Amino acid sequence: ISEAQTTLARERTAAEYRETVVACLDAAQQMRQLTESLLELARFDAGQQPIQNEPVDLVAACRACVAMVHPLADARGLRIATDFASAQARGDAGLLNRVITNLLTNAIQYNKSGGEIRLATRSEHGAARLIVSDTGRGIAPEDLPHLFERFFRADKSRAHTDGNSGLGLAICKAIVDAHGGSIKVASTPNVGTTFTI
């Protein structure tokens, strides 16, 4: 709003108007994403989020998600290592793909240059298991209990500067919970982080 008001306060060149429109569009898209995320969480809270109950091949889902995020990893010089064992689950493939993609994207974003992301699937005691690890900066022990809270950002210096709202892990947890699963995190500062579903 302030960007638009400032621009309209006096005559501008076409290029200046264009720059303002681009900035306003970026802000509107961020607000839309935030609103959609909050609505999705509200639907999960109310038990109104529709969830498919179909067979899901976690290995195939992981391969598709890795293919999607590979350009991001390549751009940062990161290696994605996979260790897939057959793992079948029941649930909503689209929602589970969102969880996998979010965890991979976080592992890329918070990794160190030249680091590695490891993605593994297992089938243990009749349950599917998915593990996403990175060699990034890690998470401070005092932040771990809050990691799945809405709007929580372990890295306060990046808050609101990168377009992220701090809702990604809260949505991941809501999706996993709705499937009757669990999501856990372990982390060591300056060593890396591991999410296990």
N, C-alpha and C. Protein backbone atom coordinates (compact mmCIF):
# COMPACT_ATOMS: atom_id res chain seq x y z
N ILE A 1 0.83 -1.19 0.00
CA ILE A 1 0.00 0.00 0.00
C ILE A 1 0.87 1.25 0.00
N SER A 2 1.90 1.26 0.88
CA SER A 2 2.75 2.45 0.93
C SER A 2 3.52 2.64 -0.37
N GLU A 3 3.91 1.54 -1.00
CA GLU A 3 4.59 1.63 -2.30
C GLU A 3 3.69 2.30 -3.33
N ALA A 4 2.44 1.88 -3.38
CA ALA A 4 1.49 2.46 -4.33
C ALA A 4 1.20 3.91 -3.99
N GLN A 5 1.02 4.22 -2.71
CA GLN A 5 0.73 5.60 -2.31
C GLN A 5 1.88 6.53 -2.65
N THR A 6 3.10 6.10 -2.40
CA THR A 6 4.28 6.92 -2.72
C THR A 6 4.37 7.17 -4.22
N THR A 7 4.13 6.14 -5.00
CA THR A 7 4.22 6.27 -6.46
C THR A 7 3.15 7.21 -6.99
N LEU A 8 1.96 7.16 -6.42
CA LEU A 8 0.87 8.01 -6.90
C LEU A 8 0.96 9.45 -6.39
N ALA A 9 1.89 9.73 -5.49
CA ALA A 9 2.00 11.08 -4.91
C ALA A 9 2.49 12.10 -5.93
N ARG A 10 3.17 11.64 -6.98
CA ARG A 10 3.63 12.56 -8.03
C ARG A 10 3.75 11.79 -9.34
N GLU A 11 3.88 12.52 -10.44
CA GLU A 11 4.02 11.88 -11.75
C GLU A 11 5.32 11.09 -11.81
N ARG A 12 5.27 9.94 -12.44
CA ARG A 12 6.43 9.06 -12.58
C ARG A 12 6.61 8.71 -14.06
N THR A 13 7.77 8.15 -14.34
CA THR A 13 8.00 7.65 -15.70
C THR A 13 7.31 6.29 -15.82
N ALA A 14 7.16 5.85 -17.05
CA ALA A 14 6.55 4.53 -17.29
C ALA A 14 7.36 3.43 -16.60
N ALA A 15 8.68 3.55 -16.62
CA ALA A 15 9.54 2.54 -15.99
C ALA A 15 9.33 2.53 -14.47
N GLU A 16 9.15 3.71 -13.87
CA GLU A 16 8.92 3.79 -12.42
C GLU A 16 7.56 3.18 -12.05
N TYR A 17 6.54 3.47 -12.89
CA TYR A 17 5.22 2.86 -12.64
C TYR A 17 5.32 1.34 -12.75
N ARG A 18 6.03 0.88 -13.76
CA ARG A 18 6.20 -0.57 -13.95
C ARG A 18 6.88 -1.20 -12.72
N GLU A 19 7.93 -0.54 -12.23
CA GLU A 19 8.65 -1.05 -11.05
C GLU A 19 7.71 -1.16 -9.85
N THR A 20 6.84 -0.18 -9.67
CA THR A 20 5.88 -0.21 -8.57
C THR A 20 4.88 -1.34 -8.74
N VAL A 21 4.38 -1.52 -9.96
CA VAL A 21 3.41 -2.59 -10.21
C VAL A 21 4.05 -3.96 -9.92
N VAL A 22 5.30 -4.14 -10.33
CA VAL A 22 6.01 -5.40 -10.06
C VAL A 22 6.14 -5.62 -8.55
N ALA A 23 6.52 -4.57 -7.82
CA ALA A 23 6.66 -4.69 -6.36
C ALA A 23 5.32 -5.02 -5.71
N CYS A 24 4.25 -4.35 -6.17
CA CYS A 24 2.91 -4.62 -5.61
C CYS A 24 2.45 -6.04 -5.93
N LEU A 25 2.75 -6.52 -7.13
CA LEU A 25 2.40 -7.89 -7.51
C LEU A 25 3.12 -8.90 -6.63
N ASP A 26 4.41 -8.67 -6.40
CA ASP A 26 5.18 -9.57 -5.52
C ASP A 26 4.57 -9.61 -4.12
N ALA A 27 4.23 -8.43 -3.58
CA ALA A 27 3.63 -8.37 -2.24
C ALA A 27 2.28 -9.07 -2.22
N ALA A 28 1.47 -8.88 -3.27
CA ALA A 28 0.14 -9.51 -3.33
C ALA A 28 0.28 -11.03 -3.41
N GLN A 29 1.27 -11.51 -4.16
CA GLN A 29 1.46 -12.97 -4.26
C GLN A 29 1.89 -13.55 -2.92
N GLN A 30 2.74 -12.83 -2.20
CA GLN A 30 3.14 -13.31 -0.87
C GLN A 30 1.95 -13.33 0.07
N MET A 31 1.10 -12.30 0.01
CA MET A 31 -0.10 -12.27 0.85
C MET A 31 -1.06 -13.39 0.49
N ARG A 32 -1.21 -13.66 -0.80
CA ARG A 32 -2.09 -14.75 -1.23
C ARG A 32 -1.58 -16.08 -0.69
N GLN A 33 -0.26 -16.31 -0.80
CA GLN A 33 0.32 -17.55 -0.31
C GLN A 33 0.11 -17.69 1.20
N LEU A 34 0.31 -16.60 1.93
CA LEU A 34 0.10 -16.61 3.38
C LEU A 34 -1.36 -16.91 3.71
N THR A 35 -2.28 -16.25 3.01
CA THR A 35 -3.71 -16.46 3.25
C THR A 35 -4.11 -17.90 2.95
N GLU A 36 -3.62 -18.45 1.83
CA GLU A 36 -3.95 -19.83 1.48
C GLU A 36 -3.39 -20.81 2.51
N SER A 37 -2.19 -20.54 3.01
CA SER A 37 -1.60 -21.41 4.04
C SER A 37 -2.41 -21.36 5.33
N LEU A 38 -2.81 -20.16 5.74
CA LEU A 38 -3.61 -20.04 6.96
C LEU A 38 -4.97 -20.71 6.81
N LEU A 39 -5.59 -20.57 5.64
CA LEU A 39 -6.88 -21.25 5.40
C LEU A 39 -6.70 -22.76 5.43
N GLU A 40 -5.61 -23.24 4.85
CA GLU A 40 -5.36 -24.68 4.85
C GLU A 40 -5.19 -25.19 6.28
N LEU A 41 -4.42 -24.47 7.09
CA LEU A 41 -4.24 -24.86 8.49
C LEU A 41 -5.56 -24.83 9.24
N ALA A 42 -6.39 -23.84 8.96
CA ALA A 42 -7.71 -23.76 9.62
C ALA A 42 -8.57 -24.96 9.23
N ARG A 43 -8.49 -25.40 7.97
CA ARG A 43 -9.25 -26.59 7.56
C ARG A 43 -8.74 -27.84 8.27
N PHE A 44 -7.42 -27.96 8.41
CA PHE A 44 -6.87 -29.09 9.16
C PHE A 44 -7.34 -29.04 10.61
N ASP A 45 -7.28 -27.86 11.22
CA ASP A 45 -7.72 -27.71 12.62
C ASP A 45 -9.17 -28.15 12.80
N ALA A 46 -10.00 -27.82 11.81
CA ALA A 46 -11.43 -28.13 11.90
C ALA A 46 -11.76 -29.54 11.39
N GLY A 47 -10.74 -30.26 10.92
CA GLY A 47 -10.97 -31.59 10.35
C GLY A 47 -11.73 -31.55 9.04
N GLN A 48 -11.62 -30.44 8.32
CA GLN A 48 -12.36 -30.26 7.07
C GLN A 48 -11.49 -30.34 5.83
N GLN A 49 -10.19 -30.62 6.00
CA GLN A 49 -9.31 -30.73 4.83
C GLN A 49 -9.53 -32.11 4.20
N PRO A 50 -9.99 -32.14 2.94
CA PRO A 50 -10.20 -33.44 2.30
C PRO A 50 -8.87 -34.17 2.09
N ILE A 51 -8.85 -35.43 2.46
CA ILE A 51 -7.64 -36.24 2.32
C ILE A 51 -8.00 -37.54 1.61
N GLN A 52 -7.32 -37.79 0.51
CA GLN A 52 -7.51 -39.04 -0.22
C GLN A 52 -6.92 -40.19 0.60
N ASN A 53 -7.48 -41.37 0.45
CA ASN A 53 -6.93 -42.55 1.10
C ASN A 53 -6.68 -43.59 0.02
N GLU A 54 -5.49 -43.46 -0.57
CA GLU A 54 -5.13 -44.33 -1.69
C GLU A 54 -3.71 -44.85 -1.49
N PRO A 55 -3.35 -45.93 -2.15
CA PRO A 55 -1.97 -46.42 -2.03
C PRO A 55 -0.99 -45.39 -2.58
N VAL A 56 0.09 -45.17 -1.86
CA VAL A 56 1.12 -44.22 -2.28
C VAL A 56 2.47 -44.93 -2.25
N ASP A 57 3.15 -44.93 -3.38
CA ASP A 57 4.51 -45.47 -3.47
C ASP A 57 5.45 -44.34 -3.08
N LEU A 58 6.00 -44.39 -1.87
CA LEU A 58 6.84 -43.29 -1.38
C LEU A 58 8.11 -43.13 -2.20
N VAL A 59 8.64 -44.22 -2.74
CA VAL A 59 9.84 -44.12 -3.56
C VAL A 59 9.55 -43.30 -4.82
N ALA A 60 8.45 -43.60 -5.49
CA ALA A 60 8.08 -42.85 -6.68
C ALA A 60 7.82 -41.39 -6.34
N ALA A 61 7.15 -41.14 -5.21
CA ALA A 61 6.87 -39.77 -4.78
C ALA A 61 8.17 -39.02 -4.52
N CYS A 62 9.10 -39.67 -3.85
CA CYS A 62 10.39 -39.03 -3.55
C CYS A 62 11.16 -38.71 -4.82
N ARG A 63 11.16 -39.65 -5.76
CA ARG A 63 11.87 -39.40 -7.03
C ARG A 63 11.29 -38.19 -7.76
N ALA A 64 9.97 -38.08 -7.78
CA ALA A 64 9.33 -36.93 -8.44
C ALA A 64 9.70 -35.63 -7.74
N CYS A 65 9.72 -35.64 -6.41
CA CYS A 65 10.05 -34.42 -5.66
C CYS A 65 11.51 -34.04 -5.84
N VAL A 66 12.40 -35.03 -5.86
CA VAL A 66 13.82 -34.76 -6.09
C VAL A 66 14.01 -34.13 -7.46
N ALA A 67 13.33 -34.66 -8.47
CA ALA A 67 13.45 -34.09 -9.82
C ALA A 67 13.01 -32.63 -9.84
N MET A 68 11.98 -32.31 -9.05
CA MET A 68 11.47 -30.94 -9.03
C MET A 68 12.46 -29.97 -8.37
N VAL A 69 13.12 -30.39 -7.29
CA VAL A 69 13.99 -29.47 -6.55
C VAL A 69 15.45 -29.53 -6.99
N HIS A 70 15.78 -30.47 -7.86
CA HIS A 70 17.18 -30.63 -8.28
C HIS A 70 17.79 -29.34 -8.82
N PRO A 71 17.09 -28.56 -9.64
CA PRO A 71 17.70 -27.31 -10.11
C PRO A 71 18.08 -26.36 -8.97
N LEU A 72 17.28 -26.32 -7.90
CA LEU A 72 17.62 -25.48 -6.75
C LEU A 72 18.91 -25.97 -6.08
N ALA A 73 19.02 -27.29 -5.94
CA ALA A 73 20.22 -27.86 -5.33
C ALA A 73 21.44 -27.60 -6.21
N ASP A 74 21.29 -27.80 -7.51
CA ASP A 74 22.40 -27.56 -8.44
C ASP A 74 22.88 -26.12 -8.38
N ALA A 75 21.93 -25.20 -8.29
CA ALA A 75 22.27 -23.77 -8.25
C ALA A 75 23.11 -23.42 -7.02
N ARG A 76 22.96 -24.20 -5.94
CA ARG A 76 23.72 -23.94 -4.71
C ARG A 76 24.90 -24.89 -4.55
N GLY A 77 25.15 -25.73 -5.57
CA GLY A 77 26.27 -26.66 -5.51
C GLY A 77 26.06 -27.77 -4.49
N LEU A 78 24.81 -28.18 -4.29
CA LEU A 78 24.48 -29.21 -3.30
C LEU A 78 24.23 -30.54 -3.99
N ARG A 79 24.59 -31.61 -3.32
CA ARG A 79 24.36 -32.96 -3.84
C ARG A 79 23.16 -33.56 -3.12
N ILE A 80 22.30 -34.23 -3.89
CA ILE A 80 21.17 -34.96 -3.29
C ILE A 80 21.47 -36.45 -3.42
N ALA A 81 21.63 -37.12 -2.29
CA ALA A 81 21.89 -38.56 -2.26
C ALA A 81 20.61 -39.27 -1.84
N THR A 82 20.29 -40.37 -2.52
CA THR A 82 19.08 -41.11 -2.18
C THR A 82 19.43 -42.54 -1.78
N ASP A 83 18.64 -43.07 -0.88
CA ASP A 83 18.78 -44.45 -0.41
C ASP A 83 17.36 -44.99 -0.24
N PHE A 84 16.82 -45.52 -1.32
CA PHE A 84 15.42 -45.92 -1.33
C PHE A 84 15.26 -47.42 -1.14
N ALA A 85 14.44 -47.78 -0.16
CA ALA A 85 13.95 -49.14 -0.01
C ALA A 85 12.44 -49.05 -0.17
N SER A 86 11.83 -50.08 -0.69
CA SER A 86 10.39 -50.07 -0.94
C SER A 86 9.63 -49.62 0.30
N ALA A 87 8.73 -48.66 0.09
CA ALA A 87 7.92 -48.14 1.19
C ALA A 87 6.56 -47.75 0.65
N GLN A 88 5.54 -48.46 1.08
CA GLN A 88 4.17 -48.19 0.65
C GLN A 88 3.41 -47.55 1.79
N ALA A 89 2.58 -46.59 1.45
CA ALA A 89 1.76 -45.93 2.45
C ALA A 89 0.35 -45.77 1.89
N ARG A 90 -0.55 -45.36 2.73
CA ARG A 90 -1.89 -44.99 2.27
C ARG A 90 -2.11 -43.54 2.63
N GLY A 91 -2.69 -42.81 1.72
CA GLY A 91 -2.95 -41.41 2.02
C GLY A 91 -3.17 -40.60 0.77
N ASP A 92 -2.91 -39.32 0.88
CA ASP A 92 -3.13 -38.36 -0.19
C ASP A 92 -1.78 -38.05 -0.82
N ALA A 93 -1.56 -38.57 -2.02
CA ALA A 93 -0.26 -38.43 -2.69
C ALA A 93 0.12 -36.97 -2.87
N GLY A 94 -0.84 -36.13 -3.23
CA GLY A 94 -0.53 -34.71 -3.44
C GLY A 94 -0.06 -34.03 -2.17
N LEU A 95 -0.73 -34.31 -1.06
CA LEU A 95 -0.34 -33.71 0.22
C LEU A 95 1.01 -34.25 0.69
N LEU A 96 1.22 -35.55 0.52
CA LEU A 96 2.50 -36.13 0.93
C LEU A 96 3.65 -35.57 0.08
N ASN A 97 3.40 -35.34 -1.21
CA ASN A 97 4.41 -34.72 -2.06
C ASN A 97 4.76 -33.32 -1.56
N ARG A 98 3.77 -32.59 -1.05
CA ARG A 98 4.03 -31.25 -0.51
C ARG A 98 4.96 -31.32 0.69
N VAL A 99 4.75 -32.32 1.54
CA VAL A 99 5.62 -32.49 2.71
C VAL A 99 7.05 -32.77 2.25
N ILE A 100 7.21 -33.72 1.34
CA ILE A 100 8.54 -34.09 0.86
C ILE A 100 9.23 -32.89 0.21
N THR A 101 8.50 -32.19 -0.65
CA THR A 101 9.07 -31.03 -1.34
C THR A 101 9.47 -29.94 -0.36
N ASN A 102 8.62 -29.69 0.64
CA ASN A 102 8.93 -28.66 1.64
C ASN A 102 10.20 -29.02 2.41
N LEU A 103 10.31 -30.27 2.84
CA LEU A 103 11.49 -30.68 3.60
C LEU A 103 12.76 -30.61 2.74
N LEU A 104 12.65 -31.01 1.48
CA LEU A 104 13.81 -30.92 0.58
C LEU A 104 14.20 -29.47 0.33
N THR A 105 13.21 -28.62 0.11
CA THR A 105 13.49 -27.20 -0.13
C THR A 105 14.15 -26.56 1.08
N ASN A 106 13.67 -26.89 2.28
CA ASN A 106 14.31 -26.38 3.50
C ASN A 106 15.74 -26.88 3.61
N ALA A 107 15.96 -28.16 3.28
CA ALA A 107 17.30 -28.74 3.37
C ALA A 107 18.26 -28.04 2.39
N ILE A 108 17.73 -27.61 1.27
CA ILE A 108 18.54 -26.86 0.30
C ILE A 108 18.80 -25.46 0.82
N GLN A 109 17.74 -24.79 1.25
CA GLN A 109 17.83 -23.39 1.68
C GLN A 109 18.76 -23.20 2.88
N TYR A 110 18.73 -24.13 3.82
CA TYR A 110 19.50 -23.96 5.06
C TYR A 110 20.77 -24.78 5.09
N ASN A 111 21.20 -25.28 3.93
CA ASN A 111 22.42 -26.06 3.85
C ASN A 111 23.61 -25.15 3.64
N LYS A 112 24.81 -25.69 3.82
CA LYS A 112 26.01 -24.92 3.53
C LYS A 112 26.43 -25.20 2.09
N SER A 113 27.13 -24.27 1.52
CA SER A 113 27.58 -24.41 0.14
C SER A 113 28.41 -25.68 -0.03
N GLY A 114 28.10 -26.45 -1.06
CA GLY A 114 28.81 -27.71 -1.30
C GLY A 114 28.35 -28.84 -0.41
N GLY A 115 27.26 -28.63 0.33
CA GLY A 115 26.76 -29.64 1.25
C GLY A 115 25.97 -30.74 0.56
N GLU A 116 25.30 -31.54 1.38
CA GLU A 116 24.57 -32.70 0.87
C GLU A 116 23.20 -32.80 1.53
N ILE A 117 22.25 -33.30 0.75
CA ILE A 117 20.92 -33.64 1.25
C ILE A 117 20.77 -35.14 1.05
N ARG A 118 20.30 -35.83 2.07
CA ARG A 118 20.08 -37.27 1.97
C ARG A 118 18.60 -37.55 2.15
N LEU A 119 18.08 -38.38 1.27
CA LEU A 119 16.67 -38.75 1.31
C LEU A 119 16.58 -40.27 1.29
N ALA A 120 15.90 -40.83 2.27
CA ALA A 120 15.80 -42.29 2.38
C ALA A 120 14.36 -42.70 2.68
N THR A 121 14.00 -43.88 2.20
CA THR A 121 12.70 -44.48 2.53
C THR A 121 12.95 -45.87 3.09
N ARG A 122 12.07 -46.27 4.00
CA ARG A 122 12.16 -47.57 4.64
C ARG A 122 10.75 -48.07 4.91
N SER A 123 10.64 -49.35 5.11
CA SER A 123 9.41 -49.95 5.59
C SER A 123 9.78 -50.74 6.84
N GLU A 124 9.29 -50.29 7.98
CA GLU A 124 9.67 -50.91 9.25
C GLU A 124 8.44 -51.18 10.10
N HIS A 125 8.28 -52.42 10.53
CA HIS A 125 7.19 -52.82 11.42
C HIS A 125 5.83 -52.41 10.85
N GLY A 126 5.65 -52.59 9.56
CA GLY A 126 4.38 -52.29 8.92
C GLY A 126 4.11 -50.83 8.67
N ALA A 127 5.10 -50.00 8.89
CA ALA A 127 4.92 -48.55 8.65
C ALA A 127 5.97 -48.05 7.67
N ALA A 128 5.57 -47.10 6.85
CA ALA A 128 6.51 -46.46 5.94
C ALA A 128 7.28 -45.40 6.70
N ARG A 129 8.55 -45.25 6.38
CA ARG A 129 9.39 -44.24 7.03
C ARG A 129 10.11 -43.44 5.96
N LEU A 130 10.15 -42.13 6.15
CA LEU A 130 10.82 -41.22 5.24
C LEU A 130 11.80 -40.39 6.05
N ILE A 131 13.06 -40.30 5.59
CA ILE A 131 14.08 -39.55 6.32
C ILE A 131 14.71 -38.53 5.36
N VAL A 132 14.73 -37.26 5.79
CA VAL A 132 15.38 -36.19 5.03
C VAL A 132 16.43 -35.57 5.93
N SER A 133 17.70 -35.63 5.49
CA SER A 133 18.82 -35.08 6.28
C SER A 133 19.58 -34.07 5.45
N ASP A 134 20.23 -33.15 6.16
CA ASP A 134 21.10 -32.20 5.46
C ASP A 134 22.37 -31.99 6.26
N THR A 135 23.33 -31.35 5.63
CA THR A 135 24.61 -31.03 6.27
C THR A 135 24.69 -29.53 6.52
N GLY A 136 23.57 -28.95 6.87
CA GLY A 136 23.47 -27.50 7.01
C GLY A 136 23.89 -26.99 8.37
N ARG A 137 23.42 -25.79 8.67
CA ARG A 137 23.83 -25.08 9.88
C ARG A 137 23.23 -25.67 11.14
N GLY A 138 22.20 -26.50 11.00
CA GLY A 138 21.57 -27.10 12.17
C GLY A 138 20.64 -26.13 12.88
N ILE A 139 20.02 -26.61 13.91
CA ILE A 139 19.03 -25.84 14.67
C ILE A 139 19.42 -25.88 16.14
N ALA A 140 19.38 -24.74 16.79
CA ALA A 140 19.75 -24.66 18.20
C ALA A 140 18.80 -25.52 19.03
N PRO A 141 19.31 -26.19 20.07
CA PRO A 141 18.47 -27.06 20.90
C PRO A 141 17.24 -26.35 21.47
N GLU A 142 17.37 -25.07 21.83
CA GLU A 142 16.22 -24.36 22.42
C GLU A 142 15.14 -24.07 21.38
N ASP A 143 15.48 -24.14 20.08
CA ASP A 143 14.49 -23.89 19.02
C ASP A 143 13.74 -25.15 18.60
N LEU A 144 14.32 -26.31 18.84
CA LEU A 144 13.71 -27.57 18.36
C LEU A 144 12.28 -27.78 18.84
N PRO A 145 11.94 -27.51 20.11
CA PRO A 145 10.55 -27.75 20.54
C PRO A 145 9.52 -26.85 19.85
N HIS A 146 9.97 -25.78 19.24
CA HIS A 146 9.06 -24.80 18.63
C HIS A 146 9.00 -24.91 17.10
N LEU A 147 9.77 -25.81 16.53
CA LEU A 147 9.97 -25.83 15.09
C LEU A 147 8.68 -25.99 14.28
N PHE A 148 7.70 -26.71 14.82
CA PHE A 148 6.46 -26.96 14.08
C PHE A 148 5.35 -25.96 14.44
N GLU A 149 5.69 -24.96 15.25
CA GLU A 149 4.71 -23.93 15.60
C GLU A 149 4.53 -22.96 14.44
N ARG A 150 3.33 -22.45 14.31
CA ARG A 150 3.03 -21.49 13.24
C ARG A 150 3.83 -20.20 13.44
N PHE A 151 4.39 -19.74 12.35
CA PHE A 151 5.16 -18.49 12.28
C PHE A 151 6.50 -18.55 13.00
N PHE A 152 6.88 -19.70 13.54
CA PHE A 152 8.17 -19.79 14.22
C PHE A 152 9.29 -19.81 13.19
N ARG A 153 10.32 -19.01 13.43
CA ARG A 153 11.48 -18.97 12.56
C ARG A 153 12.72 -19.13 13.43
N ALA A 154 13.42 -20.24 13.25
CA ALA A 154 14.63 -20.47 14.05
C ALA A 154 15.70 -19.44 13.73
N ASP A 155 15.77 -19.02 12.46
CA ASP A 155 16.76 -18.03 12.04
C ASP A 155 16.09 -16.66 12.03
N LYS A 156 16.16 -15.96 13.16
CA LYS A 156 15.48 -14.67 13.29
C LYS A 156 16.02 -13.62 12.32
N SER A 157 17.28 -13.76 11.92
CA SER A 157 17.87 -12.76 11.02
C SER A 157 17.25 -12.80 9.64
N ARG A 158 16.60 -13.92 9.27
CA ARG A 158 16.01 -14.04 7.94
C ARG A 158 14.51 -13.79 7.96
N ALA A 159 13.95 -13.52 9.13
CA ALA A 159 12.51 -13.37 9.26
C ALA A 159 11.96 -12.34 8.28
N HIS A 160 11.02 -12.77 7.48
CA HIS A 160 10.27 -11.92 6.54
C HIS A 160 11.12 -11.31 5.44
N THR A 161 12.39 -11.71 5.29
CA THR A 161 13.20 -11.14 4.23
C THR A 161 13.28 -12.05 3.02
N ASP A 162 12.87 -13.30 3.17
CA ASP A 162 13.00 -14.24 2.06
C ASP A 162 11.66 -14.70 1.51
N GLY A 163 10.57 -14.05 1.91
CA GLY A 163 9.26 -14.41 1.40
C GLY A 163 8.62 -15.58 2.11
N ASN A 164 9.32 -16.20 3.04
CA ASN A 164 8.75 -17.32 3.77
C ASN A 164 8.00 -16.81 4.99
N SER A 165 6.92 -17.50 5.33
CA SER A 165 6.06 -17.04 6.41
C SER A 165 6.27 -17.78 7.73
N GLY A 166 7.04 -18.86 7.71
CA GLY A 166 7.18 -19.66 8.91
C GLY A 166 6.02 -20.61 9.12
N LEU A 167 5.30 -20.94 8.03
CA LEU A 167 4.17 -21.86 8.14
C LEU A 167 4.45 -23.22 7.50
N GLY A 168 5.54 -23.34 6.76
CA GLY A 168 5.82 -24.57 6.02
C GLY A 168 5.86 -25.82 6.89
N LEU A 169 6.61 -25.77 7.99
CA LEU A 169 6.72 -26.95 8.85
C LEU A 169 5.44 -27.20 9.63
N ALA A 170 4.70 -26.14 9.95
CA ALA A 170 3.40 -26.32 10.61
C ALA A 170 2.44 -27.05 9.68
N ILE A 171 2.47 -26.71 8.39
CA ILE A 171 1.63 -27.40 7.41
C ILE A 171 2.09 -28.84 7.24
N CYS A 172 3.41 -29.06 7.19
CA CYS A 172 3.92 -30.44 7.10
C CYS A 172 3.40 -31.27 8.26
N LYS A 173 3.47 -30.73 9.47
CA LYS A 173 3.01 -31.48 10.64
C LYS A 173 1.51 -31.73 10.57
N ALA A 174 0.74 -30.74 10.13
CA ALA A 174 -0.71 -30.92 10.02
C ALA A 174 -1.04 -32.03 9.02
N ILE A 175 -0.32 -32.07 7.91
CA ILE A 175 -0.54 -33.11 6.89
C ILE A 175 -0.18 -34.48 7.45
N VAL A 176 0.98 -34.58 8.09
CA VAL A 176 1.42 -35.87 8.65
C VAL A 176 0.46 -36.33 9.75
N ASP A 177 0.06 -35.41 10.62
CA ASP A 177 -0.89 -35.76 11.69
C ASP A 177 -2.21 -36.25 11.11
N ALA A 178 -2.68 -35.58 10.06
CA ALA A 178 -3.96 -35.97 9.44
C ALA A 178 -3.90 -37.36 8.83
N HIS A 179 -2.69 -37.80 8.51
CA HIS A 179 -2.49 -39.15 7.98
C HIS A 179 -2.25 -40.18 9.08
N GLY A 180 -2.29 -39.73 10.34
CA GLY A 180 -2.05 -40.66 11.45
C GLY A 180 -0.58 -40.97 11.66
N GLY A 181 0.30 -40.14 11.10
CA GLY A 181 1.73 -40.38 11.22
C GLY A 181 2.36 -39.46 12.25
N SER A 182 3.68 -39.48 12.27
CA SER A 182 4.43 -38.60 13.17
C SER A 182 5.60 -38.00 12.40
N ILE A 183 5.99 -36.81 12.80
CA ILE A 183 7.17 -36.16 12.22
C ILE A 183 8.05 -35.71 13.38
N LYS A 184 9.32 -36.07 13.29
CA LYS A 184 10.27 -35.74 14.35
C LYS A 184 11.49 -35.08 13.72
N VAL A 185 12.18 -34.29 14.53
CA VAL A 185 13.37 -33.60 14.05
C VAL A 185 14.49 -33.79 15.06
N ALA A 186 15.69 -33.98 14.54
CA ALA A 186 16.90 -34.02 15.35
C ALA A 186 17.92 -33.13 14.65
N SER A 187 18.68 -32.37 15.43
CA SER A 187 19.61 -31.45 14.80
C SER A 187 20.79 -31.17 15.71
N THR A 188 21.93 -30.96 15.07
CA THR A 188 23.14 -30.56 15.77
C THR A 188 23.67 -29.31 15.08
N PRO A 189 23.81 -28.20 15.81
CA PRO A 189 24.33 -26.98 15.19
C PRO A 189 25.65 -27.23 14.48
N ASN A 190 25.76 -26.67 13.28
CA ASN A 190 26.94 -26.76 12.42
C ASN A 190 27.24 -28.18 11.91
N VAL A 191 26.30 -29.10 12.11
CA VAL A 191 26.46 -30.47 11.59
C VAL A 191 25.33 -30.79 10.62
N GLY A 192 24.08 -30.51 11.02
CA GLY A 192 22.96 -30.77 10.14
C GLY A 192 21.70 -31.14 10.90
N THR A 193 20.66 -31.39 10.10
CA THR A 193 19.32 -31.65 10.63
C THR A 193 18.73 -32.86 9.94
N THR A 194 17.95 -33.64 10.69
CA THR A 194 17.27 -34.80 10.14
C THR A 194 15.80 -34.77 10.54
N PHE A 195 14.92 -34.88 9.53
CA PHE A 195 13.48 -35.02 9.75
C PHE A 195 13.11 -36.46 9.46
N THR A 196 12.34 -37.07 10.35
CA THR A 196 11.90 -38.45 10.17
C THR A 196 10.37 -38.48 10.24
N ILE A 197 9.75 -39.04 9.21
CA ILE A 197 8.30 -39.18 9.15
C ILE A 197 7.98 -40.66 9.17
